[in-house]
Protein backbone atom coordinates (compact mmCIF):
# COMPACT_ATOMS: atom_id res chain seq x y z
CA UNK A 1 -6.32 1.23 -27.19
CA UNK A 2 -7.44 4.81 -26.37
CA UNK A 3 -6.83 5.01 -22.47
CA UNK A 4 -6.65 6.99 -19.24
CA UNK A 5 -5.10 6.38 -16.63
CA UNK A 6 -6.00 6.79 -13.01
CA UNK A 7 -3.46 7.02 -10.17
CA UNK A 8 -1.17 8.86 -7.56
CA UNK A 9 1.53 7.18 -5.59
CA UNK A 10 4.65 4.94 -7.33
CA UNK A 11 2.99 1.95 -6.75
CA UNK A 12 1.32 2.72 -10.33
CA UNK A 13 4.30 3.38 -12.21
CA UNK A 14 5.33 0.35 -13.18
CA UNK A 15 1.53 -0.22 -14.29
CA UNK A 16 1.98 3.12 -16.01
CA UNK A 17 4.97 2.46 -17.63
CA UNK A 18 3.73 -1.24 -19.31
CA UNK A 19 1.05 0.53 -20.95
CA UNK A 20 3.16 3.13 -22.60
CA UNK A 21 5.63 0.58 -23.23
CA UNK A 22 2.56 -1.43 -25.08
CA UNK A 23 2.13 1.24 -27.59
CA UNK A 24 -1.43 2.06 -26.46
CA UNK A 25 -2.61 6.02 -26.39
CA UNK A 26 -2.35 7.57 -23.43
CA UNK A 27 -5.69 10.24 -23.71
CA UNK A 28 -5.03 11.42 -20.18
CA UNK A 29 -3.60 10.61 -16.80
CA UNK A 30 -6.19 11.59 -13.55
CA UNK A 31 -4.13 11.89 -10.62
CA UNK A 32 -4.66 13.81 -7.09
CA UNK A 33 -4.00 17.34 -6.90
CA UNK A 34 -0.29 18.75 -5.75
CA UNK A 35 0.05 18.81 -1.63
CA UNK A 36 1.92 20.64 0.51
CA UNK A 37 5.03 18.13 1.85
CA UNK A 38 7.97 18.83 4.06
CA UNK A 39 8.96 21.34 5.79
CA UNK A 40 9.02 24.72 3.48
CA UNK A 41 5.38 22.80 3.07
CA UNK A 42 6.03 23.39 -0.57
CA UNK A 43 3.31 21.86 -2.95
CA UNK A 44 4.53 18.41 -4.44
CA UNK A 45 3.30 16.92 -7.15
CA UNK A 46 2.08 12.77 -7.16
CA UNK A 47 4.62 10.19 -8.80
CA UNK A 48 2.22 9.64 -11.39
CA UNK A 49 2.36 13.41 -11.62
CA UNK A 50 5.73 13.89 -12.18
CA UNK A 51 6.11 10.78 -15.05
CA UNK A 52 3.52 12.09 -16.89
CA UNK A 53 4.57 15.47 -17.51
CA UNK A 54 8.18 14.09 -18.20
CA UNK A 55 6.41 12.38 -21.69
CA UNK A 56 4.20 15.43 -22.04
CA UNK A 57 0.56 13.31 -21.08
CA UNK A 58 -2.43 15.53 -20.73
CA UNK A 59 -2.88 15.24 -16.68
CA UNK A 60 -6.60 16.44 -14.67
CA UNK A 61 -6.61 16.72 -11.04
CA UNK A 62 -9.54 17.08 -9.64
CA UNK A 63 -10.69 16.58 -5.99
CA UNK A 64 -13.65 15.09 -6.65
CA UNK A 65 -15.12 13.38 -9.49
CA UNK A 66 -18.90 13.97 -8.26
CA UNK A 67 -19.37 17.01 -10.15
CA UNK A 68 -21.28 17.57 -14.17
CA UNK A 69 -18.71 19.15 -15.04
CA UNK A 70 -15.90 16.39 -14.52
CA UNK A 71 -18.24 13.94 -15.60
CA UNK A 72 -19.31 15.38 -19.04
CA UNK A 73 -14.84 15.91 -19.47
CA UNK A 74 -14.13 12.24 -18.53
CA UNK A 75 -16.74 11.50 -21.15
CA UNK A 76 -15.61 13.27 -23.81
CA UNK A 77 -12.46 11.69 -23.61
CA UNK A 78 -13.96 9.24 -26.05
CA UNK A 79 -11.57 6.22 -24.02
CA UNK A 80 -11.95 2.58 -24.73
CA UNK A 81 -10.54 2.04 -21.02
CA UNK A 82 -9.85 2.91 -17.70
CA UNK A 83 -6.85 1.94 -16.22
CA UNK A 84 -7.28 2.63 -11.87
CA UNK A 85 -4.26 2.16 -9.57
CA UNK A 86 -4.00 3.69 -6.14
CA UNK A 87 -5.93 6.55 -7.58
CA UNK A 88 -7.63 8.14 -4.06
CA UNK A 89 -11.29 9.13 -5.39
CA UNK A 90 -14.14 7.79 -5.85
CA UNK A 91 -15.12 6.54 -9.37
CA UNK A 92 -19.39 7.67 -9.88
CA UNK A 93 -21.41 5.77 -11.63
CA UNK A 94 -21.38 7.77 -14.66
CA UNK A 95 -17.64 7.10 -14.86
CA UNK A 96 -17.52 3.80 -14.73
CA UNK A 97 -19.47 3.80 -17.38
CA UNK A 98 -17.92 6.15 -19.99
CA UNK A 99 -15.45 3.98 -21.36
CA UNK A 100 -16.24 1.85 -24.16
CA UNK A 101 -14.67 -1.70 -22.29
CA UNK A 102 -15.48 0.14 -18.72
CA UNK A 103 -12.76 1.00 -16.03
CA UNK A 104 -10.14 -1.87 -14.55
CA UNK A 105 -8.11 -1.38 -11.39
CA UNK A 106 -5.75 -3.06 -10.28
CA UNK A 107 -5.59 -4.43 -6.50
CA UNK A 108 -3.07 -4.87 -4.28
CA UNK A 109 -4.59 -8.43 -2.51
CA UNK A 110 -5.77 -11.54 -3.13
CA UNK A 111 -10.34 -10.67 -3.12
CA UNK A 112 -12.44 -10.78 -1.52
CA UNK A 113 -10.11 -10.55 1.06
CA UNK A 114 -8.55 -6.84 1.99
CA UNK A 115 -11.03 -4.62 0.27
CA UNK A 116 -10.63 -1.08 0.92
CA UNK A 117 -7.51 1.30 1.17
CA UNK A 118 -4.38 -0.35 3.16
CA UNK A 119 -4.53 -4.18 2.03
CA UNK A 120 -0.89 -4.73 1.92
CA UNK A 121 -0.43 -3.22 5.23
CA UNK A 122 -3.62 -5.15 6.64
CA UNK A 123 -2.34 -8.74 4.98
CA UNK A 124 1.29 -8.17 6.66
CA UNK A 125 0.33 -7.25 10.54
CA UNK A 126 -2.46 -9.77 10.16
CA UNK A 127 0.16 -12.48 9.72
CA UNK A 128 -0.90 -13.68 6.03
CA UNK A 129 0.87 -16.29 4.46
CA UNK A 130 0.35 -15.13 0.77
CA UNK A 131 -0.94 -12.05 -1.34
CA UNK A 132 -1.05 -10.38 -4.66
CA UNK A 133 -2.82 -8.38 -7.37
CA UNK A 134 -5.65 -8.79 -9.54
CA UNK A 135 -6.84 -6.39 -12.70
CA UNK A 136 -10.40 -6.12 -11.80
CA UNK A 137 -13.73 -4.73 -13.44
CA UNK A 138 -14.80 -1.83 -11.39
CA UNK A 139 -18.22 -1.61 -9.86
CA UNK A 140 -20.08 1.32 -7.56
CA UNK A 141 -19.37 -1.19 -4.91
CA UNK A 142 -15.53 -0.81 -2.73
CA UNK A 143 -13.54 -3.31 -4.77
CA UNK A 144 -16.49 -5.72 -5.47
CA UNK A 145 -16.22 -5.98 -8.74
CA UNK A 146 -15.55 -9.73 -10.97
CA UNK A 147 -11.69 -10.70 -11.83
CA UNK A 148 -10.21 -10.68 -14.83
CA UNK A 149 -6.50 -12.21 -13.64
CA UNK A 150 -4.42 -12.36 -10.81
CA UNK A 151 -0.65 -13.04 -9.65
CA UNK A 152 -0.10 -14.23 -6.18
CA UNK A 153 3.40 -13.88 -3.87
CA UNK A 154 4.18 -15.52 -0.72
CA UNK A 155 4.82 -13.00 1.94
CA UNK A 156 7.89 -14.32 4.21
CA UNK A 157 9.15 -13.91 7.49
CA UNK A 158 11.72 -10.54 6.63
CA UNK A 159 8.68 -8.70 5.01
CA UNK A 160 8.08 -5.40 5.39
CA UNK A 161 5.27 -3.32 3.79
CA UNK A 162 8.27 -1.48 1.51
CA UNK A 163 9.11 -5.35 0.09
CA UNK A 164 6.02 -6.30 -0.28
CA UNK A 165 4.61 -3.02 -1.86
CA UNK A 166 7.23 -3.26 -4.56
CA UNK A 167 6.97 -6.77 -5.69
CA UNK A 168 3.63 -6.63 -6.07
CA UNK A 169 4.04 -3.29 -8.13
CA UNK A 170 6.26 -5.35 -10.43
CA UNK A 171 3.95 -8.13 -10.67
CA UNK A 172 1.17 -5.82 -11.62
CA UNK A 173 2.87 -4.14 -14.60
CA UNK A 174 2.52 -7.16 -16.65
CA UNK A 175 -0.71 -8.58 -15.35
CA UNK A 176 -2.90 -5.23 -16.50
CA UNK A 177 -0.83 -5.13 -20.13
CA UNK A 178 -1.98 -8.44 -20.73
CA UNK A 179 -5.37 -7.87 -19.52
CA UNK A 180 -5.51 -4.84 -21.41
CA UNK A 181 -4.04 -6.87 -24.63
CA UNK A 182 -7.32 -9.69 -23.92
CA UNK A 183 -9.63 -6.50 -23.14
CA UNK A 184 -8.58 -5.44 -26.89
CA UNK A 185 -9.20 -8.91 -28.69
CA UNK A 186 -12.38 -9.36 -26.75
CA UNK A 187 -10.96 -12.12 -25.38
CA UNK A 188 -10.74 -11.20 -21.59
CA UNK A 189 -13.28 -13.05 -19.07
CA UNK A 190 -14.00 -11.81 -15.60
CA UNK A 191 -15.28 -14.43 -12.54
CA UNK A 192 -17.19 -12.89 -9.83
CA UNK A 193 -15.75 -12.48 -6.34
CA UNK A 194 -16.61 -15.49 -3.90
CA UNK A 195 -19.48 -13.99 -1.28
CA UNK A 196 -17.68 -15.90 1.41
CA UNK A 197 -14.21 -14.65 3.03
CA UNK A 198 -14.65 -10.80 2.82
CA UNK A 199 -12.34 -8.83 4.86
CA UNK A 200 -11.98 -4.86 4.77
CA UNK A 201 -8.59 -3.00 4.71
CA UNK A 202 -9.64 -0.51 6.58
CA UNK A 203 -7.36 2.89 6.23
CA UNK A 204 -4.72 2.79 8.82
CA UNK A 205 -5.62 4.99 11.62
CA UNK A 206 -3.01 6.29 14.72
CA UNK A 207 -3.94 4.40 17.18
CA UNK A 208 -2.59 1.38 14.66
CA UNK A 209 0.85 2.67 14.91
CA UNK A 210 1.04 2.23 19.02
CA UNK A 211 2.82 -0.93 19.83
CA UNK A 212 0.91 -2.41 22.53
CA UNK A 213 3.42 -4.98 23.99
CA UNK A 214 1.22 -7.21 25.93
CA UNK A 215 0.43 -8.29 22.57
CA UNK A 216 2.21 -11.67 20.92
CA UNK A 217 5.29 -11.43 20.09
CA UNK A 218 4.13 -12.86 16.74
CA UNK A 219 1.43 -10.42 16.12
CA UNK A 220 4.02 -7.43 17.44
CA UNK A 221 6.73 -8.37 14.62
CA UNK A 222 3.60 -8.30 12.23
CA UNK A 223 2.96 -4.82 13.16
CA UNK A 224 5.73 -3.96 13.42
CA UNK A 225 7.08 -5.30 9.71
CA UNK A 226 3.39 -3.97 8.28
CA UNK A 227 3.83 -0.47 9.02
CA UNK A 228 7.95 -0.04 7.58
CA UNK A 229 9.17 2.43 6.87
CA UNK A 230 5.98 4.29 6.95
CA UNK A 231 4.05 5.82 8.92
CA UNK A 232 6.28 3.00 11.35
CA UNK A 233 5.45 1.30 14.45
CA UNK A 234 6.49 3.08 17.78
CA UNK A 235 6.66 3.26 21.38
CA UNK A 236 7.93 5.38 24.00
CA UNK A 237 11.77 4.36 25.65
CA UNK A 238 12.71 3.79 29.17
CA UNK A 239 13.27 7.39 29.12
CA UNK A 240 10.00 8.77 27.47
CA UNK A 241 11.08 9.49 24.35
CA UNK A 242 9.39 7.80 21.23
CA UNK A 243 10.60 5.54 18.51
CA UNK A 244 9.79 3.66 15.80
CA UNK A 245 10.58 -0.06 15.36
CA UNK A 246 11.02 -0.50 11.57
CA UNK A 247 11.83 -4.25 11.63
CA UNK A 248 12.49 -7.07 13.79
CA UNK A 249 12.16 -10.77 14.84
CA UNK A 250 10.51 -12.83 16.67
CA UNK A 251 12.56 -14.08 19.59
CA UNK A 252 12.63 -16.31 22.70
CA UNK A 253 12.23 -15.04 26.08
CA UNK A 254 9.62 -14.09 28.48
CA UNK A 255 9.07 -11.65 31.08
CA UNK A 256 6.62 -8.65 31.63
CA UNK A 257 4.77 -7.42 28.42
CA UNK A 258 8.20 -4.25 27.61
CA UNK A 259 10.61 -5.54 30.05
CA UNK A 260 14.05 -5.53 27.90
CA UNK A 261 15.11 -9.13 28.55
CA UNK A 262 18.72 -8.46 27.09
CA UNK A 263 20.91 -5.43 26.75
CA UNK A 264 20.24 -6.20 22.77
CA UNK A 265 16.76 -5.18 22.82
CA UNK A 266 14.84 -8.07 22.80
CA UNK A 267 11.68 -6.92 24.28
CA UNK A 268 9.36 -9.33 26.11
CA UNK A 269 5.35 -9.29 24.99
CA UNK A 270 2.58 -10.77 26.11
CA UNK A 271 3.50 -13.87 24.57
CA UNK A 272 6.76 -14.42 23.71
CA UNK A 273 9.65 -12.05 22.79
CA UNK A 274 10.60 -9.54 20.06
CA UNK A 275 14.13 -9.01 18.70
CA UNK A 276 14.36 -4.80 17.40
CA UNK A 277 16.61 -4.91 14.16
CA UNK A 278 16.43 -1.51 12.95
CA UNK A 279 14.52 1.75 14.86
CA UNK A 280 14.40 5.36 14.64
CA UNK A 281 14.64 7.47 17.85
CA UNK A 282 12.09 10.37 17.26
CA UNK A 283 14.32 13.35 15.26
CA UNK A 284 16.58 11.31 13.92
CA UNK A 285 17.61 8.68 11.56
CA UNK A 286 16.85 5.10 11.32
CA UNK A 287 19.78 3.12 12.45
CA UNK A 288 20.69 -0.50 12.81
CA UNK A 289 19.81 -1.17 16.39
CA UNK A 290 23.54 -1.84 17.23
CA UNK A 291 24.35 1.70 16.10
CA UNK A 292 21.46 2.76 17.89
CA UNK A 293 22.40 0.82 21.19
CA UNK A 294 26.05 2.57 20.80
CA UNK A 295 25.02 6.02 21.26
CA UNK A 296 22.49 4.74 23.97
CA UNK A 297 22.77 1.19 25.68
CA UNK A 298 19.71 0.39 27.35
CA UNK A 299 20.49 -2.98 29.87
CA UNK A 300 18.31 -6.08 30.88
CA UNK A 301 15.24 -4.74 33.06
CA UNK A 302 14.34 -1.56 31.72
CA UNK A 303 10.90 -0.88 30.41
CA UNK A 304 9.55 0.21 27.49
CA UNK A 305 5.82 1.33 27.02
């Protein structure tokens, strides 16, 4: 089919690669515009943009699709379908209706749970035991469209945002590829989402990253893993320096919230305790707990905040 791919972060790369391998005509790639990044504030292209450039695909980076000229340019592509994976811009009704077979989105949750911007992080932070990806026919509402296909994966106790992200990206590629094959053959059917169980995965806010040691140990552990490696759940050390906790396990122990219960970073929570296994002091590299403590030992009885 003649398609447009609309995506920005690396999450969409396996899907775009699968569609190219299937022989679809990539009429255009839509992605977010380059943004200043790093210490030099040099403009950096999205991973999807770099992939498209390397293969000679036409690339468009509109900052909005709300203007008539942007919508007319999209309609002029005469698409069979548009595939959307973490694009980052709202698609107006005229854009959704322009392709012959509509727009299909790959969403990183099991809808209607975790509609919205941060489904992977929110699922881990909430302690969900399972998540997945779904190919969905897009409507004007926020992730409200009917579902073509789904694939599930468990969320294990050692999973982080990074590991679940990569697993879902890999699951999503064949799922979307098969969905487009079925659409091309006229065999695809979509099932409406359930009306019950709607939960929104709101965009992460700065306050989501601050660890509250008064919370139960399981909640703190899920927060740490759900935000690792970025933006990273953070806390203040006894000397006032900020540090990020990047990996943890629920441990055994009780004490005042934020109190170190031994000299190996077992930290008391509101209920139970969390063992920090990987962390990063502000301005320094991330490292395993034993290496962190080798340079700055922390004895039992210290207090984190």
